[in-house]
Amino acid sequence: MPSSKPAGRMPLPMPESVVITRPRAQADALVRAVAAIGRTPVLLPLLEIAPLEDQSALRAALQDLERYALVAFVSPNAIDAALAHVPAWPRQVALAVLGEGSRAALAKHGLTEANATILGPQDPTRSDSENLLASLDLATLRGRRVLIVRGETGRELMAEGFRGAGAEVTIVPAYRRSVPALTPALAARLRALLASPNDWIITSSEALRGLLELLRQLDTASDTGLVAKLQQQHVIVPHARIADTARSLGLARVTLTGSGDERLLAALQSRT
């Protein structure tokens, strides 16, 4: 007997897996959480994080923390690298972070709102330097020292904002990040993941640009159309800046959640 349901669009196929692209050292909790909600996590780190061979500048900057009014960390990696050299955080020195992942990293090292002054952006969808600067009382930093802990390279906007407020700014590198090399094994994984619909959790604009570059290399080598396939996958991102990057690179299906793993998981659950 024919169905009485009206004709309509064919539903999109359900995603098979959740591709988690965080650096390996930061991905375990999210992998477990994705599995706990009944989805299949696939770990595909798109950034490799390595300690600096020479950490003397980092150790020197952290030797006398009391001289700073504020220490700003650009990522959980910066927190982990720096706090390995800090036996006890001075209570009077405020910390600034960009997102919930960094707050979780501080908590892992025993620093919470209960024993430290932790500042961050007020808008969870814009966990970036612009929103952090807009959320701080910059006038209180005039004539005082600010330390920024970041990777070897990074945006200058945060430092420029503090300097514009009259602060004396020191920037210290704490780690090195890089896109993984395109090995035959990685090429095979990328082809397999793009052969079917998946949800991709992308937590870094740099990682997303690196992924596109890897796929362009493969397309040039074998004309496989992998870039076009990625542009049709569904990506879930925690920050507006990453969403802007995704759209500028031609990705058509972007969900912006705001900072924090619980928001990423909620976005996944809404699709099941």
C-alpha atoms as a PDB file:
ATOM      1  CA  MET A   1       0.000   0.000   0.000  1.00  0.00           C
ATOM      2  CA  PRO A   2       1.541   3.380  -0.962  1.00  0.00           C
ATOM      3  CA  SER A   3       2.595   5.683   1.834  1.00  0.00           C
ATOM      4  CA  SER A   4       0.279   8.546   2.698  1.00  0.00           C
ATOM      5  CA  LYS A   5       3.189  10.785   3.752  1.00  0.00           C
ATOM      6  CA  PRO A   6       3.697  13.809   1.515  1.00  0.00           C
ATOM      7  CA  ALA A   7       6.737  13.786  -0.689  1.00  0.00           C
ATOM      8  CA  GLY A   8       9.631  15.938   0.459  1.00  0.00           C
ATOM      9  CA  ARG A   9      13.363  16.222   0.487  1.00  0.00           C
ATOM     10  CA  MET A  10      15.368  13.114   1.107  1.00  0.00           C
ATOM     11  CA  PRO A  11      16.885  13.341   4.598  1.00  0.00           C
ATOM     12  CA  LEU A  12      20.629  13.790   4.846  1.00  0.00           C
ATOM     13  CA  PRO A  13      22.460  10.598   5.840  1.00  0.00           C
ATOM     14  CA  MET A  14      23.334  10.442   9.516  1.00  0.00           C
ATOM     15  CA  PRO A  15      27.006  11.036  10.240  1.00  0.00           C
ATOM     16  CA  GLU A  16      28.942   7.855  10.879  1.00  0.00           C
ATOM     17  CA  SER A  17      31.654   9.187  13.203  1.00  0.00           C
ATOM     18  CA  VAL A  18      32.810  12.249  15.101  1.00  0.00           C
ATOM     19  CA  VAL A  19      36.258  13.329  13.955  1.00  0.00           C
ATOM     20  CA  ILE A  20      38.113  15.029  16.825  1.00  0.00           C
ATOM     21  CA  THR A  21      40.995  17.138  15.552  1.00  0.00           C
ATOM     22  CA  ARG A  22      42.508  18.403  18.796  1.00  0.00           C
ATOM     23  CA  PRO A  23      46.156  17.764  19.632  1.00  0.00           C
ATOM     24  CA  ARG A  24      46.466  14.268  21.040  1.00  0.00           C
ATOM     25  CA  ALA A  25      47.378  15.362  24.578  1.00  0.00           C
ATOM     26  CA  GLN A  26      44.156  17.399  24.910  1.00  0.00           C
ATOM     27  CA  ALA A  27      41.709  15.041  23.254  1.00  0.00           C
ATOM     28  CA  ASP A  28      41.169  12.189  25.729  1.00  0.00           C
ATOM     29  CA  ALA A  29      38.321  13.727  27.743  1.00  0.00           C
ATOM     30  CA  LEU A  30      36.396  14.725  24.624  1.00  0.00           C
ATOM     31  CA  VAL A  31      36.925  11.290  23.051  1.00  0.00           C
ATOM     32  CA  ARG A  32      35.441   9.652  26.157  1.00  0.00           C
ATOM     33  CA  ALA A  33      32.544  12.104  26.285  1.00  0.00           C
ATOM     34  CA  VAL A  34      31.652  11.549  22.626  1.00  0.00           C
ATOM     35  CA  ALA A  35      31.645   7.781  23.164  1.00  0.00           C
ATOM     36  CA  ALA A  36      29.470   8.234  26.283  1.00  0.00           C
ATOM     37  CA  ILE A  37      26.686   9.846  24.232  1.00  0.00           C
ATOM     38  CA  GLY A  38      26.653   6.917  21.833  1.00  0.00           C
ATOM     39  CA  ARG A  39      28.707   8.368  19.000  1.00  0.00           C
ATOM     40  CA  THR A  40      31.886   6.911  17.504  1.00  0.00           C
ATOM     41  CA  PRO A  41      34.917   9.150  18.120  1.00  0.00           C
ATOM     42  CA  VAL A  42      37.813   9.172  15.658  1.00  0.00           C
ATOM     43  CA  LEU A  43      40.944  10.967  16.814  1.00  0.00           C
ATOM     44  CA  LEU A  44      42.710  12.860  14.017  1.00  0.00           C
ATOM     45  CA  PRO A  45      45.119  15.384  15.572  1.00  0.00           C
ATOM     46  CA  LEU A  46      45.673  18.224  13.097  1.00  0.00           C
ATOM     47  CA  LEU A  47      48.262  20.041  15.192  1.00  0.00           C
ATOM     48  CA  GLU A  48      51.352  18.547  16.764  1.00  0.00           C
ATOM     49  CA  ILE A  49      52.490  20.248  19.965  1.00  0.00           C
ATOM     50  CA  ALA A  50      56.126  20.008  20.993  1.00  0.00           C
ATOM     51  CA  PRO A  51      58.091  21.605  23.825  1.00  0.00           C
ATOM     52  CA  LEU A  52      60.772  24.121  22.934  1.00  0.00           C
ATOM     53  CA  GLU A  53      64.279  22.732  22.923  1.00  0.00           C
ATOM     54  CA  ASP A  54      65.478  25.828  24.798  1.00  0.00           C
ATOM     55  CA  GLN A  55      63.105  26.730  27.636  1.00  0.00           C
ATOM     56  CA  SER A  56      65.429  29.210  29.336  1.00  0.00           C
ATOM     57  CA  ALA A  57      63.373  32.254  28.259  1.00  0.00           C
ATOM     58  CA  LEU A  58      60.189  30.676  29.588  1.00  0.00           C
ATOM     59  CA  ARG A  59      61.790  29.757  32.912  1.00  0.00           C
ATOM     60  CA  ALA A  60      63.271  33.239  33.266  1.00  0.00           C
ATOM     61  CA  ALA A  61      59.916  34.928  32.627  1.00  0.00           C
ATOM     62  CA  LEU A  62      58.240  32.764  35.259  1.00  0.00           C
ATOM     63  CA  GLN A  63      60.906  33.076  37.960  1.00  0.00           C
ATOM     64  CA  ASP A  64      59.460  36.206  39.536  1.00  0.00           C
ATOM     65  CA  LEU A  65      55.734  36.179  38.797  1.00  0.00           C
ATOM     66  CA  GLU A  66      55.006  38.784  41.460  1.00  0.00           C
ATOM     67  CA  ARG A  67      56.312  41.512  39.153  1.00  0.00           C
ATOM     68  CA  TYR A  68      53.306  41.019  36.834  1.00  0.00           C
ATOM     69  CA  ALA A  69      49.799  42.365  37.353  1.00  0.00           C
ATOM     70  CA  LEU A  70      48.416  39.862  34.843  1.00  0.00           C
ATOM     71  CA  VAL A  71      49.580  36.721  33.042  1.00  0.00           C
ATOM     72  CA  ALA A  72      47.611  35.882  29.882  1.00  0.00           C
ATOM     73  CA  PHE A  73      47.623  32.380  28.404  1.00  0.00           C
ATOM     74  CA  VAL A  74      46.554  31.957  24.785  1.00  0.00           C
ATOM     75  CA  SER A  75      45.758  28.218  25.021  1.00  0.00           C
ATOM     76  CA  PRO A  76      45.706  25.140  27.253  1.00  0.00           C
ATOM     77  CA  ASN A  77      49.084  24.231  25.744  1.00  0.00           C
ATOM     78  CA  ALA A  78      50.532  27.492  27.055  1.00  0.00           C
ATOM     79  CA  ILE A  79      49.137  26.739  30.512  1.00  0.00           C
ATOM     80  CA  ASP A  80      50.554  23.220  30.624  1.00  0.00           C
ATOM     81  CA  ALA A  81      53.978  24.331  29.404  1.00  0.00           C
ATOM     82  CA  ALA A  82      54.226  27.273  31.790  1.00  0.00           C
ATOM     83  CA  LEU A  83      52.826  25.732  34.959  1.00  0.00           C
ATOM     84  CA  ALA A  84      55.309  22.879  34.711  1.00  0.00           C
ATOM     85  CA  HIS A  85      57.813  25.517  35.884  1.00  0.00           C
ATOM     86  CA  VAL A  86      55.636  27.126  38.602  1.00  0.00           C
ATOM     87  CA  PRO A  87      55.495  25.306  41.952  1.00  0.00           C
ATOM     88  CA  ALA A  88      52.885  27.694  43.420  1.00  0.00           C
ATOM     89  CA  TRP A  89      50.929  30.494  41.775  1.00  0.00           C
ATOM     90  CA  PRO A  90      51.048  33.832  43.651  1.00  0.00           C
ATOM     91  CA  ARG A  91      47.500  34.714  44.710  1.00  0.00           C
ATOM     92  CA  GLN A  92      47.850  38.408  43.850  1.00  0.00           C
ATOM     93  CA  VAL A  93      48.719  37.769  40.175  1.00  0.00           C
ATOM     94  CA  ALA A  94      45.627  37.538  37.970  1.00  0.00           C
ATOM     95  CA  LEU A  95      45.388  35.063  35.086  1.00  0.00           C
ATOM     96  CA  ALA A  96      43.630  35.692  31.777  1.00  0.00           C
ATOM     97  CA  VAL A  97      42.438  32.918  29.465  1.00  0.00           C
ATOM     98  CA  LEU A  98      40.460  32.744  26.233  1.00  0.00           C
ATOM     99  CA  GLY A  99      38.088  29.813  26.720  1.00  0.00           C
ATOM    100  CA  GLU A 100      36.660  27.025  28.832  1.00  0.00           C
ATOM    101  CA  GLY A 101      39.379  24.637  27.713  1.00  0.00           C
ATOM    102  CA  SER A 102      41.964  26.880  29.311  1.00  0.00           C
ATOM    103  CA  ARG A 103      39.940  27.124  32.528  1.00  0.00           C
ATOM    104  CA  ALA A 104      39.867  23.331  32.607  1.00  0.00           C
ATOM    105  CA  ALA A 105      43.635  23.260  32.078  1.00  0.00           C
ATOM    106  CA  LEU A 106      44.117  25.646  35.002  1.00  0.00           C
ATOM    107  CA  ALA A 107      41.887  23.456  37.177  1.00  0.00           C
ATOM    108  CA  LYS A 108      44.028  20.459  36.278  1.00  0.00           C
ATOM    109  CA  HIS A 109      46.937  22.360  37.811  1.00  0.00           C
ATOM    110  CA  GLY A 110      44.908  23.251  40.912  1.00  0.00           C
ATOM    111  CA  LEU A 111      43.945  26.822  39.933  1.00  0.00           C
ATOM    112  CA  THR A 112      40.249  27.691  40.150  1.00  0.00           C
ATOM    113  CA  GLU A 113      38.076  30.674  41.042  1.00  0.00           C
ATOM    114  CA  ALA A 114      38.402  29.582  44.672  1.00  0.00           C
ATOM    115  CA  ASN A 115      42.125  30.269  44.909  1.00  0.00           C
ATOM    116  CA  ALA A 116      42.987  32.497  41.945  1.00  0.00           C
ATOM    117  CA  THR A 117      41.707  35.480  39.986  1.00  0.00           C
ATOM    118  CA  ILE A 118      40.840  34.072  36.554  1.00  0.00           C
ATOM    119  CA  LEU A 119      39.620  36.468  33.869  1.00  0.00           C
ATOM    120  CA  GLY A 120      38.169  35.638  30.475  1.00  0.00           C
ATOM    121  CA  PRO A 121      35.847  36.727  27.666  1.00  0.00           C
ATOM    122  CA  GLN A 122      32.230  37.319  28.616  1.00  0.00           C
ATOM    123  CA  ASP A 123      30.831  35.992  25.315  1.00  0.00           C
ATOM    124  CA  PRO A 124      31.431  32.203  25.093  1.00  0.00           C
ATOM    125  CA  THR A 125      31.026  32.250  21.298  1.00  0.00           C
ATOM    126  CA  ARG A 126      33.918  34.686  20.898  1.00  0.00           C
ATOM    127  CA  SER A 127      36.728  33.237  22.949  1.00  0.00           C
ATOM    128  CA  ASP A 128      39.396  35.332  21.298  1.00  0.00           C
ATOM    129  CA  SER A 129      41.782  38.178  21.998  1.00  0.00           C
ATOM    130  CA  GLU A 130      39.314  40.848  20.904  1.00  0.00           C
ATOM    131  CA  ASN A 131      36.621  39.732  23.332  1.00  0.00           C
ATOM    132  CA  LEU A 132      39.122  39.202  26.137  1.00  0.00           C
ATOM    133  CA  LEU A 133      40.404  42.758  25.777  1.00  0.00           C
ATOM    134  CA  ALA A 134      36.841  44.079  25.658  1.00  0.00           C
ATOM    135  CA  SER A 135      36.029  42.177  28.872  1.00  0.00           C
ATOM    136  CA  LEU A 136      38.971  43.495  30.920  1.00  0.00           C
ATOM    137  CA  ASP A 137      39.312  46.768  32.799  1.00  0.00           C
ATOM    138  CA  LEU A 138      42.377  47.767  30.813  1.00  0.00           C
ATOM    139  CA  ALA A 139      42.750  51.098  32.597  1.00  0.00           C
ATOM    140  CA  THR A 140      43.927  49.251  35.714  1.00  0.00           C
ATOM    141  CA  LEU A 141      46.930  47.913  33.768  1.00  0.00           C
ATOM    142  CA  ARG A 142      48.421  51.304  32.875  1.00  0.00           C
ATOM    143  CA  GLY A 143      52.040  51.396  33.977  1.00  0.00           C
ATOM    144  CA  ARG A 144      51.947  47.760  35.115  1.00  0.00           C
ATOM    145  CA  ARG A 145      53.511  44.606  33.692  1.00  0.00           C
ATOM    146  CA  VAL A 146      51.666  41.961  31.680  1.00  0.00           C
ATOM    147  CA  LEU A 147      53.086  38.603  30.572  1.00  0.00           C
ATOM    148  CA  ILE A 148      51.655  36.764  27.547  1.00  0.00           C
ATOM    149  CA  VAL A 149      52.452  33.045  27.286  1.00  0.00           C
ATOM    150  CA  ARG A 150      51.837  31.584  23.829  1.00  0.00           C
ATOM    151  CA  GLY A 151      53.307  29.395  21.084  1.00  0.00           C
ATOM    152  CA  GLU A 152      56.343  30.343  19.022  1.00  0.00           C
ATOM    153  CA  THR A 153      54.076  32.264  16.672  1.00  0.00           C
ATOM    154  CA  GLY A 154      50.733  33.934  17.209  1.00  0.00           C
ATOM    155  CA  ARG A 155      48.566  36.986  16.691  1.00  0.00           C
ATOM    156  CA  GLU A 156      49.881  40.297  17.971  1.00  0.00           C
ATOM    157  CA  LEU A 157      46.464  41.772  18.735  1.00  0.00           C
ATOM    158  CA  MET A 158      46.475  40.872  22.431  1.00  0.00           C
ATOM    159  CA  ALA A 159      49.883  42.435  23.016  1.00  0.00           C
ATOM    160  CA  GLU A 160      48.907  45.513  21.031  1.00  0.00           C
ATOM    161  CA  GLY A 161      45.743  45.900  23.113  1.00  0.00           C
ATOM    162  CA  PHE A 162      47.642  45.753  26.404  1.00  0.00           C
ATOM    163  CA  ARG A 163      50.318  48.132  25.142  1.00  0.00           C
ATOM    164  CA  GLY A 164      47.633  50.504  23.906  1.00  0.00           C
ATOM    165  CA  ALA A 165      46.292  50.595  27.471  1.00  0.00           C
ATOM    166  CA  GLY A 166      49.701  51.627  28.756  1.00  0.00           C
ATOM    167  CA  ALA A 167      50.890  48.258  30.064  1.00  0.00           C
ATOM    168  CA  GLU A 168      54.454  47.003  29.790  1.00  0.00           C
ATOM    169  CA  VAL A 169      54.110  43.730  27.864  1.00  0.00           C
ATOM    170  CA  THR A 170      56.419  40.719  27.745  1.00  0.00           C
ATOM    171  CA  ILE A 171      55.712  37.866  25.305  1.00  0.00           C
ATOM    172  CA  VAL A 172      57.306  34.488  25.955  1.00  0.00           C
ATOM    173  CA  PRO A 173      57.028  31.371  23.745  1.00  0.00           C
ATOM    174  CA  ALA A 174      56.177  28.157  25.577  1.00  0.00           C
ATOM    175  CA  TYR A 175      55.756  25.513  22.846  1.00  0.00           C
ATOM    176  CA  ARG A 176      55.898  24.814  19.125  1.00  0.00           C
ATOM    177  CA  ARG A 177      52.920  23.739  17.035  1.00  0.00           C
ATOM    178  CA  SER A 178      52.896  22.349  13.502  1.00  0.00           C
ATOM    179  CA  VAL A 179      50.609  20.580  11.038  1.00  0.00           C
ATOM    180  CA  PRO A 180      51.506  16.881  10.729  1.00  0.00           C
ATOM    181  CA  ALA A 181      53.402  15.734   7.654  1.00  0.00           C
ATOM    182  CA  LEU A 182      51.385  14.096   4.884  1.00  0.00           C
ATOM    183  CA  THR A 183      52.438  10.485   5.248  1.00  0.00           C
ATOM    184  CA  PRO A 184      50.867   7.616   3.279  1.00  0.00           C
ATOM    185  CA  ALA A 185      49.065   6.510   6.451  1.00  0.00           C
ATOM    186  CA  LEU A 186      47.588   9.984   7.029  1.00  0.00           C
ATOM    187  CA  ALA A 187      46.574  10.249   3.376  1.00  0.00           C
ATOM    188  CA  ALA A 188      44.722   6.924   3.627  1.00  0.00           C
ATOM    189  CA  ARG A 189      42.921   8.075   6.815  1.00  0.00           C
ATOM    190  CA  LEU A 190      41.816  11.326   5.214  1.00  0.00           C
ATOM    191  CA  ARG A 191      40.479   9.555   2.128  1.00  0.00           C
ATOM    192  CA  ALA A 192      38.572   7.074   4.285  1.00  0.00           C
ATOM    193  CA  LEU A 193      37.039   9.766   6.515  1.00  0.00           C
ATOM    194  CA  LEU A 194      35.907  11.847   3.547  1.00  0.00           C
ATOM    195  CA  ALA A 195      34.300   8.874   1.818  1.00  0.00           C
ATOM    196  CA  SER A 196      31.244   9.168   4.103  1.00  0.00           C
ATOM    197  CA  PRO A 197      29.489  11.909   6.100  1.00  0.00           C
ATOM    198  CA  ASN A 198      30.974  12.643   9.518  1.00  0.00           C
ATOM    199  CA  ASP A 199      30.783  15.363  12.124  1.00  0.00           C
ATOM    200  CA  TRP A 200      34.132  17.156  12.467  1.00  0.00           C
ATOM    201  CA  ILE A 201      35.030  18.996  15.670  1.00  0.00           C
ATOM    202  CA  ILE A 202      37.469  21.743  14.707  1.00  0.00           C
ATOM    203  CA  THR A 203      38.928  23.755  17.598  1.00  0.00           C
ATOM    204  CA  SER A 204      41.607  25.776  15.775  1.00  0.00           C
ATOM    205  CA  SER A 205      41.643  27.940  12.656  1.00  0.00           C
ATOM    206  CA  GLU A 206      45.276  26.976  12.155  1.00  0.00           C
ATOM    207  CA  ALA A 207      44.368  23.292  12.232  1.00  0.00           C
ATOM    208  CA  LEU A 208      41.560  23.824   9.715  1.00  0.00           C
ATOM    209  CA  ARG A 209      43.819  25.696   7.313  1.00  0.00           C
ATOM    210  CA  GLY A 210      46.389  22.931   7.731  1.00  0.00           C
ATOM    211  CA  LEU A 211      43.786  20.288   6.919  1.00  0.00           C
ATOM    212  CA  LEU A 212      42.820  22.101   3.726  1.00  0.00           C
ATOM    213  CA  GLU A 213      46.473  22.325   2.721  1.00  0.00           C
ATOM    214  CA  LEU A 214      46.947  18.582   3.266  1.00  0.00           C
ATOM    215  CA  LEU A 215      43.892  17.887   1.091  1.00  0.00           C
ATOM    216  CA  ARG A 216      45.125  20.260  -1.606  1.00  0.00           C
ATOM    217  CA  GLN A 217      48.387  18.321  -1.714  1.00  0.00           C
ATOM    218  CA  LEU A 218      46.437  15.108  -2.209  1.00  0.00           C
ATOM    219  CA  ASP A 219      44.201  16.664  -4.846  1.00  0.00           C
ATOM    220  CA  THR A 220      47.233  17.885  -6.766  1.00  0.00           C
ATOM    221  CA  ALA A 221      48.836  14.464  -6.593  1.00  0.00           C
ATOM    222  CA  SER A 222      45.846  12.347  -7.611  1.00  0.00           C
ATOM    223  CA  ASP A 223      42.925  14.649  -8.559  1.00  0.00           C
ATOM    224  CA  THR A 224      40.679  13.087  -5.923  1.00  0.00           C
ATOM    225  CA  GLY A 225      38.431  16.066  -5.124  1.00  0.00           C
ATOM    226  CA  LEU A 226      39.026  15.765  -1.395  1.00  0.00           C
ATOM    227  CA  VAL A 227      38.786  19.507  -0.757  1.00  0.00           C
ATOM    228  CA  ALA A 228      35.313  19.527  -2.290  1.00  0.00           C
ATOM    229  CA  LYS A 229      34.335  16.548  -0.143  1.00  0.00           C
ATOM    230  CA  LEU A 230      35.465  18.294   3.033  1.00  0.00           C
ATOM    231  CA  GLN A 231      33.495  21.389   2.061  1.00  0.00           C
ATOM    232  CA  GLN A 232      30.321  19.277   2.245  1.00  0.00           C
ATOM    233  CA  GLN A 233      31.083  17.754   5.648  1.00  0.00           C
ATOM    234  CA  HIS A 234      29.494  19.123   8.813  1.00  0.00           C
ATOM    235  CA  VAL A 235      31.943  20.950  11.091  1.00  0.00           C
ATOM    236  CA  ILE A 236      31.303  21.956  14.696  1.00  0.00           C
ATOM    237  CA  VAL A 237      33.403  24.830  16.032  1.00  0.00           C
ATOM    238  CA  PRO A 238      33.567  26.548  19.447  1.00  0.00           C
ATOM    239  CA  HIS A 239      34.616  30.043  18.344  1.00  0.00           C
ATOM    240  CA  ALA A 240      33.234  32.583  15.903  1.00  0.00           C
ATOM    241  CA  ARG A 241      36.700  33.167  14.443  1.00  0.00           C
ATOM    242  CA  ILE A 242      36.968  29.485  13.497  1.00  0.00           C
ATOM    243  CA  ALA A 243      33.474  29.616  11.984  1.00  0.00           C
ATOM    244  CA  ASP A 244      34.535  32.607   9.885  1.00  0.00           C
ATOM    245  CA  THR A 245      37.645  30.727   8.764  1.00  0.00           C
ATOM    246  CA  ALA A 246      35.575  27.661   7.825  1.00  0.00           C
ATOM    247  CA  ARG A 247      33.143  29.676   5.730  1.00  0.00           C
ATOM    248  CA  SER A 248      35.966  31.569   4.031  1.00  0.00           C
ATOM    249  CA  LEU A 249      37.443  28.201   3.018  1.00  0.00           C
ATOM    250  CA  GLY A 250      34.176  27.120   1.408  1.00  0.00           C
ATOM    251  CA  LEU A 251      32.757  24.850   4.110  1.00  0.00           C
ATOM    252  CA  ALA A 252      29.013  24.945   3.697  1.00  0.00           C
ATOM    253  CA  ARG A 253      27.773  23.337   6.921  1.00  0.00           C
ATOM    254  CA  VAL A 254      29.149  25.048  10.030  1.00  0.00           C
ATOM    255  CA  THR A 255      27.700  24.904  13.559  1.00  0.00           C
ATOM    256  CA  LEU A 256      29.008  27.450  16.083  1.00  0.00           C
ATOM    257  CA  THR A 257      28.586  26.290  19.670  1.00  0.00           C
ATOM    258  CA  GLY A 258      30.559  28.580  21.959  1.00  0.00           C
ATOM    259  CA  SER A 259      33.443  27.626  24.216  1.00  0.00           C
ATOM    260  CA  GLY A 260      33.455  24.445  26.295  1.00  0.00           C
ATOM    261  CA  ASP A 261      33.129  20.726  25.617  1.00  0.00           C
ATOM    262  CA  GLU A 262      29.582  20.637  26.986  1.00  0.00           C
ATOM    263  CA  ARG A 263      28.452  22.920  24.141  1.00  0.00           C
ATOM    264  CA  LEU A 264      30.224  20.771  21.546  1.00  0.00           C
ATOM    265  CA  LEU A 265      28.511  17.686  22.949  1.00  0.00           C
ATOM    266  CA  ALA A 266      25.130  19.412  22.972  1.00  0.00           C
ATOM    267  CA  ALA A 267      25.540  20.168  19.281  1.00  0.00           C
ATOM    268  CA  LEU A 268      26.309  16.511  18.604  1.00  0.00           C
ATOM    269  CA  GLN A 269      23.335  15.315  20.647  1.00  0.00           C
ATOM    270  CA  SER A 270      20.980  17.634  18.767  1.00  0.00           C
ATOM    271  CA  ARG A 271      21.826  15.711  15.590  1.00  0.00           C
ATOM    272  CA  THR A 272      21.055  12.239  16.935  1.00  0.00           C
END
